[in-house]
Amino acid sequence: MRHHNNVRKFGRTRGQRASLIKGLALSLIKREKIKTTEAKAKELRPFIEKLVTRSKKADLNTKRLITATLLNRATETKKLFETLAPSYMDRKGGYTRITKLAPRKSDGSKMAYIEFVK
């Protein structure tokens, strides 16, 4: 029985899953809208929302923690702190939107867009 085992594994090990989510988060911050599978979008959503919530408090410790989480990518971290977080200061949550798309032709995977809400 899989009671209370809610993590999607994507056929990957723990480290590979973490790298996948971090890579998707970097792409989302960079492009502000990405197309991915529905399951990956649903798994990415809480991760990115926690990052945005933390980045609204722009002190040095938070910047260092988020920079480390985002694989020391300075440009994406800077964009998160200077562009995205200030635009959501009056918002308590719900920074992203998942829009479902038609299944992928090759393998029938459910596809979706995940984007930042304006």
C-alpha atoms as a PDB file:
ATOM      1  CA  MET A   1       0.000   0.000   0.000  1.00  0.00           C
ATOM      2  CA  ARG A   2       1.207   3.491  -0.861  1.00  0.00           C
ATOM      3  CA  HIS A   3      -0.592   5.479   1.804  1.00  0.00           C
ATOM      4  CA  HIS A   4       0.900   8.970   2.302  1.00  0.00           C
ATOM      5  CA  ASN A   5       3.485   8.471  -0.453  1.00  0.00           C
ATOM      6  CA  ASN A   6       2.565  11.463  -2.576  1.00  0.00           C
ATOM      7  CA  VAL A   7       5.835  12.209  -4.341  1.00  0.00           C
ATOM      8  CA  ARG A   8       5.945  11.559  -8.088  1.00  0.00           C
ATOM      9  CA  LYS A   9       9.086   9.575  -8.873  1.00  0.00           C
ATOM     10  CA  PHE A  10       9.271   9.974 -12.676  1.00  0.00           C
ATOM     11  CA  GLY A  11      11.304   6.752 -12.886  1.00  0.00           C
ATOM     12  CA  ARG A  12      14.322   8.552 -11.427  1.00  0.00           C
ATOM     13  CA  THR A  13      16.436   8.381  -8.300  1.00  0.00           C
ATOM     14  CA  ARG A  14      16.177  11.026  -5.594  1.00  0.00           C
ATOM     15  CA  GLY A  15      19.111  13.087  -6.871  1.00  0.00           C
ATOM     16  CA  GLN A  16      17.894  12.939 -10.458  1.00  0.00           C
ATOM     17  CA  ARG A  17      14.422  14.109  -9.375  1.00  0.00           C
ATOM     18  CA  ALA A  18      15.928  17.023  -7.452  1.00  0.00           C
ATOM     19  CA  SER A  19      18.013  18.044 -10.474  1.00  0.00           C
ATOM     20  CA  LEU A  20      14.968  17.771 -12.730  1.00  0.00           C
ATOM     21  CA  ILE A  21      12.869  20.044 -10.504  1.00  0.00           C
ATOM     22  CA  LYS A  22      15.689  22.575 -10.115  1.00  0.00           C
ATOM     23  CA  GLY A  23      16.263  22.626 -13.868  1.00  0.00           C
ATOM     24  CA  LEU A  24      12.565  23.157 -14.531  1.00  0.00           C
ATOM     25  CA  ALA A  25      12.498  25.935 -11.932  1.00  0.00           C
ATOM     26  CA  LEU A  26      15.460  27.670 -13.593  1.00  0.00           C
ATOM     27  CA  SER A  27      13.752  27.447 -16.991  1.00  0.00           C
ATOM     28  CA  LEU A  28      10.502  28.805 -15.571  1.00  0.00           C
ATOM     29  CA  ILE A  29      12.243  31.744 -13.913  1.00  0.00           C
ATOM     30  CA  LYS A  30      14.196  32.486 -17.084  1.00  0.00           C
ATOM     31  CA  ARG A  31      11.318  32.194 -19.583  1.00  0.00           C
ATOM     32  CA  GLU A  32       8.309  32.768 -17.255  1.00  0.00           C
ATOM     33  CA  LYS A  33       6.332  30.118 -19.176  1.00  0.00           C
ATOM     34  CA  ILE A  34       7.347  26.556 -20.051  1.00  0.00           C
ATOM     35  CA  LYS A  35       5.683  23.583 -21.672  1.00  0.00           C
ATOM     36  CA  THR A  36       6.157  20.289 -19.852  1.00  0.00           C
ATOM     37  CA  THR A  37       4.203  17.220 -18.822  1.00  0.00           C
ATOM     38  CA  GLU A  38       1.281  17.744 -16.498  1.00  0.00           C
ATOM     39  CA  ALA A  39       2.835  15.635 -13.727  1.00  0.00           C
ATOM     40  CA  LYS A  40       6.102  17.588 -13.833  1.00  0.00           C
ATOM     41  CA  ALA A  41       4.203  20.886 -13.780  1.00  0.00           C
ATOM     42  CA  LYS A  42       2.199  19.769 -10.746  1.00  0.00           C
ATOM     43  CA  GLU A  43       5.385  18.709  -8.963  1.00  0.00           C
ATOM     44  CA  LEU A  44       7.170  21.961  -9.873  1.00  0.00           C
ATOM     45  CA  ARG A  45       4.402  24.258  -8.641  1.00  0.00           C
ATOM     46  CA  PRO A  46       4.952  23.969  -4.838  1.00  0.00           C
ATOM     47  CA  PHE A  47       8.734  24.203  -5.299  1.00  0.00           C
ATOM     48  CA  ILE A  48       8.600  27.434  -7.296  1.00  0.00           C
ATOM     49  CA  GLU A  49       5.895  28.977  -5.106  1.00  0.00           C
ATOM     50  CA  LYS A  50       8.033  28.442  -1.999  1.00  0.00           C
ATOM     51  CA  LEU A  51      10.981  30.083  -3.768  1.00  0.00           C
ATOM     52  CA  VAL A  52       8.922  33.149  -4.691  1.00  0.00           C
ATOM     53  CA  THR A  53       7.489  33.415  -1.173  1.00  0.00           C
ATOM     54  CA  ARG A  54      10.983  33.269   0.326  1.00  0.00           C
ATOM     55  CA  SER A  55      12.382  35.761  -2.172  1.00  0.00           C
ATOM     56  CA  LYS A  56       9.816  38.379  -1.138  1.00  0.00           C
ATOM     57  CA  LYS A  57      11.922  38.742   2.016  1.00  0.00           C
ATOM     58  CA  ALA A  58      15.056  40.061   0.330  1.00  0.00           C
ATOM     59  CA  ASP A  59      17.704  39.800   3.035  1.00  0.00           C
ATOM     60  CA  LEU A  60      21.209  38.425   2.554  1.00  0.00           C
ATOM     61  CA  ASN A  61      20.534  35.054   4.164  1.00  0.00           C
ATOM     62  CA  THR A  62      17.521  34.417   1.937  1.00  0.00           C
ATOM     63  CA  LYS A  63      19.485  35.402  -1.160  1.00  0.00           C
ATOM     64  CA  ARG A  64      22.234  32.960  -0.257  1.00  0.00           C
ATOM     65  CA  LEU A  65      19.791  30.123   0.427  1.00  0.00           C
ATOM     66  CA  ILE A  66      17.921  30.642  -2.838  1.00  0.00           C
ATOM     67  CA  THR A  67      21.141  31.018  -4.817  1.00  0.00           C
ATOM     68  CA  ALA A  68      22.322  27.685  -3.429  1.00  0.00           C
ATOM     69  CA  THR A  69      18.946  26.094  -4.215  1.00  0.00           C
ATOM     70  CA  LEU A  70      19.096  27.384  -7.805  1.00  0.00           C
ATOM     71  CA  LEU A  71      22.509  25.810  -8.446  1.00  0.00           C
ATOM     72  CA  ASN A  72      24.406  29.119  -8.048  1.00  0.00           C
ATOM     73  CA  ARG A  73      22.817  30.687 -11.128  1.00  0.00           C
ATOM     74  CA  ALA A  74      23.241  34.420 -10.581  1.00  0.00           C
ATOM     75  CA  THR A  75      21.082  35.659 -13.463  1.00  0.00           C
ATOM     76  CA  GLU A  76      18.014  33.630 -12.496  1.00  0.00           C
ATOM     77  CA  THR A  77      18.427  34.505  -8.823  1.00  0.00           C
ATOM     78  CA  LYS A  78      18.727  38.189  -9.687  1.00  0.00           C
ATOM     79  CA  LYS A  79      15.602  38.031 -11.838  1.00  0.00           C
ATOM     80  CA  LEU A  80      13.700  36.261  -9.053  1.00  0.00           C
ATOM     81  CA  PHE A  81      14.628  38.905  -6.470  1.00  0.00           C
ATOM     82  CA  GLU A  82      14.469  42.032  -8.647  1.00  0.00           C
ATOM     83  CA  THR A  83      11.600  41.334 -11.043  1.00  0.00           C
ATOM     84  CA  LEU A  84       9.342  38.483  -9.965  1.00  0.00           C
ATOM     85  CA  ALA A  85       9.207  38.832  -6.171  1.00  0.00           C
ATOM     86  CA  PRO A  86       8.410  42.579  -6.098  1.00  0.00           C
ATOM     87  CA  SER A  87       5.499  42.046  -8.486  1.00  0.00           C
ATOM     88  CA  TYR A  88       3.934  39.579  -6.005  1.00  0.00           C
ATOM     89  CA  MET A  89       4.420  41.568  -2.778  1.00  0.00           C
ATOM     90  CA  ASP A  90       0.690  42.086  -2.263  1.00  0.00           C
ATOM     91  CA  ARG A  91      -0.165  38.493  -3.194  1.00  0.00           C
ATOM     92  CA  LYS A  92      -0.191  35.747  -0.535  1.00  0.00           C
ATOM     93  CA  GLY A  93       0.269  32.803  -2.899  1.00  0.00           C
ATOM     94  CA  GLY A  94      -0.853  31.358  -6.203  1.00  0.00           C
ATOM     95  CA  TYR A  95       1.985  32.781  -8.269  1.00  0.00           C
ATOM     96  CA  THR A  96       1.757  30.117 -10.982  1.00  0.00           C
ATOM     97  CA  ARG A  97      -0.911  28.797 -13.320  1.00  0.00           C
ATOM     98  CA  ILE A  98      -1.059  25.370 -14.949  1.00  0.00           C
ATOM     99  CA  THR A  99      -2.922  25.227 -18.272  1.00  0.00           C
ATOM    100  CA  LYS A 100      -3.619  21.749 -19.617  1.00  0.00           C
ATOM    101  CA  LEU A 101      -2.918  21.003 -23.275  1.00  0.00           C
ATOM    102  CA  ALA A 102      -3.648  18.188 -25.717  1.00  0.00           C
ATOM    103  CA  PRO A 103      -1.680  14.962 -25.235  1.00  0.00           C
ATOM    104  CA  ARG A 104       1.711  14.638 -26.912  1.00  0.00           C
ATOM    105  CA  LYS A 105       1.459  12.822 -30.242  1.00  0.00           C
ATOM    106  CA  SER A 106       4.456  10.545 -29.811  1.00  0.00           C
ATOM    107  CA  ASP A 107       3.609   8.842 -26.519  1.00  0.00           C
ATOM    108  CA  GLY A 108       0.282  10.341 -25.429  1.00  0.00           C
ATOM    109  CA  SER A 109       1.662  12.056 -22.328  1.00  0.00           C
ATOM    110  CA  LYS A 110      -0.569  14.729 -20.832  1.00  0.00           C
ATOM    111  CA  MET A 111       1.039  18.098 -21.517  1.00  0.00           C
ATOM    112  CA  ALA A 112       0.634  21.452 -19.778  1.00  0.00           C
ATOM    113  CA  TYR A 113       1.962  24.989 -19.655  1.00  0.00           C
ATOM    114  CA  ILE A 114       3.128  26.322 -16.318  1.00  0.00           C
ATOM    115  CA  GLU A 115       3.515  30.087 -16.129  1.00  0.00           C
ATOM    116  CA  PHE A 116       3.716  32.942 -13.691  1.00  0.00           C
ATOM    117  CA  VAL A 117       0.457  34.805 -13.106  1.00  0.00           C
ATOM    118  CA  LYS A 118       0.684  38.476 -14.044  1.00  0.00           C
END
